[in-house]
Amino acid sequence: MIPSDYPSSSVIYYYYAQWKERKGKKPSLLEQCLKKISWRGPRRPWEERADELLHS
């Protein structure tokens, strides 16, 4: 659910698609931003958490 003060979901998706699109060999804008903030992904992969939940 998108908050009412945000633009429509189609507008949000349009910008997301633009940000993740690569231009040749150059990294996408999204990849550049994530690299700049040193984002390394989730702390634990979902598979590990799902296994833990299923086997407890």
N, C-alpha and C. Protein backbone atom coordinates (compact mmCIF):
# COMPACT_ATOMS: atom_id res chain seq x y z
N MET A 1 0.84 -1.17 0.00
CA MET A 1 0.00 0.00 0.00
C MET A 1 0.89 1.24 0.00
N ILE A 2 0.60 2.14 -0.88
CA ILE A 2 1.37 3.38 -1.00
C ILE A 2 0.63 4.48 -0.25
N PRO A 3 1.35 5.28 0.55
CA PRO A 3 0.70 6.37 1.26
C PRO A 3 0.00 7.34 0.30
N SER A 4 -1.05 7.97 0.74
CA SER A 4 -1.85 8.83 -0.13
C SER A 4 -1.10 10.07 -0.62
N ASP A 5 -0.07 10.51 0.11
CA ASP A 5 0.66 11.70 -0.34
C ASP A 5 1.77 11.37 -1.34
N TYR A 6 1.93 10.10 -1.73
CA TYR A 6 2.89 9.69 -2.75
C TYR A 6 2.21 9.73 -4.11
N PRO A 7 2.99 9.79 -5.18
CA PRO A 7 2.39 9.70 -6.52
C PRO A 7 1.84 8.29 -6.77
N SER A 8 1.18 8.11 -7.89
CA SER A 8 0.58 6.80 -8.19
C SER A 8 1.66 5.74 -8.35
N SER A 9 1.25 4.48 -8.24
CA SER A 9 2.21 3.39 -8.31
C SER A 9 2.89 3.32 -9.67
N SER A 10 2.19 3.70 -10.74
CA SER A 10 2.81 3.67 -12.07
C SER A 10 3.94 4.70 -12.18
N VAL A 11 3.80 5.85 -11.53
CA VAL A 11 4.85 6.86 -11.53
C VAL A 11 6.05 6.37 -10.72
N ILE A 12 5.78 5.76 -9.57
CA ILE A 12 6.85 5.23 -8.73
C ILE A 12 7.61 4.15 -9.48
N TYR A 13 6.90 3.25 -10.14
CA TYR A 13 7.56 2.19 -10.90
C TYR A 13 8.37 2.76 -12.05
N TYR A 14 7.86 3.77 -12.74
CA TYR A 14 8.59 4.40 -13.84
C TYR A 14 9.95 4.89 -13.37
N TYR A 15 9.98 5.61 -12.26
CA TYR A 15 11.26 6.13 -11.75
C TYR A 15 12.17 5.00 -11.27
N TYR A 16 11.61 4.00 -10.63
CA TYR A 16 12.41 2.85 -10.20
C TYR A 16 13.05 2.18 -11.42
N ALA A 17 12.28 1.99 -12.48
CA ALA A 17 12.81 1.36 -13.70
C ALA A 17 13.93 2.20 -14.30
N GLN A 18 13.78 3.53 -14.27
CA GLN A 18 14.82 4.41 -14.78
C GLN A 18 16.08 4.30 -13.95
N TRP A 19 15.93 4.26 -12.64
CA TRP A 19 17.08 4.23 -11.73
C TRP A 19 17.85 2.92 -11.81
N LYS A 20 17.15 1.80 -12.08
CA LYS A 20 17.85 0.52 -12.12
C LYS A 20 18.38 0.18 -13.51
N GLU A 21 18.05 0.96 -14.52
CA GLU A 21 18.48 0.69 -15.89
C GLU A 21 19.96 1.03 -16.08
N ARG A 22 20.67 0.12 -16.70
CA ARG A 22 22.09 0.34 -16.99
C ARG A 22 22.24 1.02 -18.35
N LYS A 23 23.24 1.85 -18.46
CA LYS A 23 23.58 2.51 -19.72
C LYS A 23 24.90 1.92 -20.20
N GLY A 24 24.84 0.88 -21.03
CA GLY A 24 26.06 0.21 -21.48
C GLY A 24 26.72 -0.52 -20.33
N LYS A 25 28.03 -0.27 -20.14
CA LYS A 25 28.77 -0.92 -19.05
C LYS A 25 28.73 -0.11 -17.77
N LYS A 26 28.20 1.08 -17.82
CA LYS A 26 28.13 1.95 -16.65
C LYS A 26 27.08 1.41 -15.67
N PRO A 27 27.38 1.38 -14.36
CA PRO A 27 26.39 0.90 -13.38
C PRO A 27 25.16 1.82 -13.35
N SER A 28 24.04 1.24 -12.97
CA SER A 28 22.81 2.02 -12.89
C SER A 28 22.91 3.06 -11.77
N LEU A 29 22.04 4.04 -11.81
CA LEU A 29 22.00 5.06 -10.77
C LEU A 29 21.73 4.42 -9.41
N LEU A 30 20.85 3.43 -9.37
CA LEU A 30 20.54 2.73 -8.13
C LEU A 30 21.78 2.02 -7.58
N GLU A 31 22.52 1.33 -8.46
CA GLU A 31 23.74 0.65 -8.03
C GLU A 31 24.78 1.64 -7.51
N GLN A 32 24.90 2.78 -8.17
CA GLN A 32 25.85 3.80 -7.74
C GLN A 32 25.49 4.33 -6.35
N CYS A 33 24.21 4.57 -6.13
CA CYS A 33 23.76 5.08 -4.83
C CYS A 33 24.00 4.05 -3.72
N LEU A 34 23.66 2.79 -4.00
CA LEU A 34 23.86 1.75 -2.99
C LEU A 34 25.33 1.57 -2.68
N LYS A 35 26.19 1.67 -3.70
CA LYS A 35 27.62 1.56 -3.46
C LYS A 35 28.12 2.74 -2.62
N LYS A 36 27.61 3.93 -2.90
CA LYS A 36 28.05 5.13 -2.17
C LYS A 36 27.72 5.03 -0.68
N ILE A 37 26.59 4.44 -0.34
CA ILE A 37 26.22 4.32 1.07
C ILE A 37 26.71 3.01 1.69
N SER A 38 27.49 2.26 0.92
CA SER A 38 28.10 1.00 1.38
C SER A 38 27.05 -0.04 1.77
N TRP A 39 25.95 -0.11 1.05
CA TRP A 39 24.91 -1.08 1.34
C TRP A 39 25.36 -2.45 0.88
N ARG A 40 25.25 -3.45 1.74
CA ARG A 40 25.70 -4.80 1.41
C ARG A 40 24.56 -5.80 1.37
N GLY A 41 23.36 -5.34 1.36
CA GLY A 41 22.23 -6.25 1.30
C GLY A 41 21.69 -6.57 2.67
N PRO A 42 20.71 -7.47 2.73
CA PRO A 42 20.14 -7.84 4.03
C PRO A 42 21.19 -8.50 4.91
N ARG A 43 21.00 -8.42 6.19
CA ARG A 43 21.99 -8.99 7.12
C ARG A 43 22.12 -10.48 6.95
N ARG A 44 20.99 -11.15 6.77
CA ARG A 44 21.01 -12.59 6.52
C ARG A 44 20.11 -12.86 5.32
N PRO A 45 20.54 -13.74 4.44
CA PRO A 45 19.68 -14.08 3.30
C PRO A 45 18.35 -14.65 3.77
N TRP A 46 17.32 -14.42 2.98
CA TRP A 46 15.98 -14.88 3.32
C TRP A 46 15.95 -16.39 3.52
N GLU A 47 16.72 -17.12 2.73
CA GLU A 47 16.70 -18.58 2.84
C GLU A 47 17.08 -19.02 4.25
N GLU A 48 18.07 -18.37 4.84
CA GLU A 48 18.48 -18.73 6.20
C GLU A 48 17.36 -18.45 7.20
N ARG A 49 16.71 -17.29 7.06
CA ARG A 49 15.63 -16.95 7.99
C ARG A 49 14.44 -17.86 7.80
N ALA A 50 14.11 -18.22 6.55
CA ALA A 50 12.97 -19.08 6.28
C ALA A 50 13.23 -20.47 6.87
N ASP A 51 14.45 -20.99 6.69
CA ASP A 51 14.78 -22.29 7.27
C ASP A 51 14.63 -22.28 8.78
N GLU A 52 15.08 -21.20 9.38
CA GLU A 52 15.00 -21.08 10.85
C GLU A 52 13.54 -21.07 11.30
N LEU A 53 12.69 -20.37 10.57
CA LEU A 53 11.28 -20.29 10.93
C LEU A 53 10.58 -21.64 10.73
N LEU A 54 10.93 -22.32 9.65
CA LEU A 54 10.27 -23.59 9.35
C LEU A 54 10.68 -24.72 10.29
N HIS A 55 11.91 -24.67 10.79
CA HIS A 55 12.43 -25.75 11.62
C HIS A 55 12.37 -25.46 13.12
N SER A 56 11.72 -24.41 13.49
CA SER A 56 11.64 -24.13 14.93
C SER A 56 10.34 -24.60 15.52
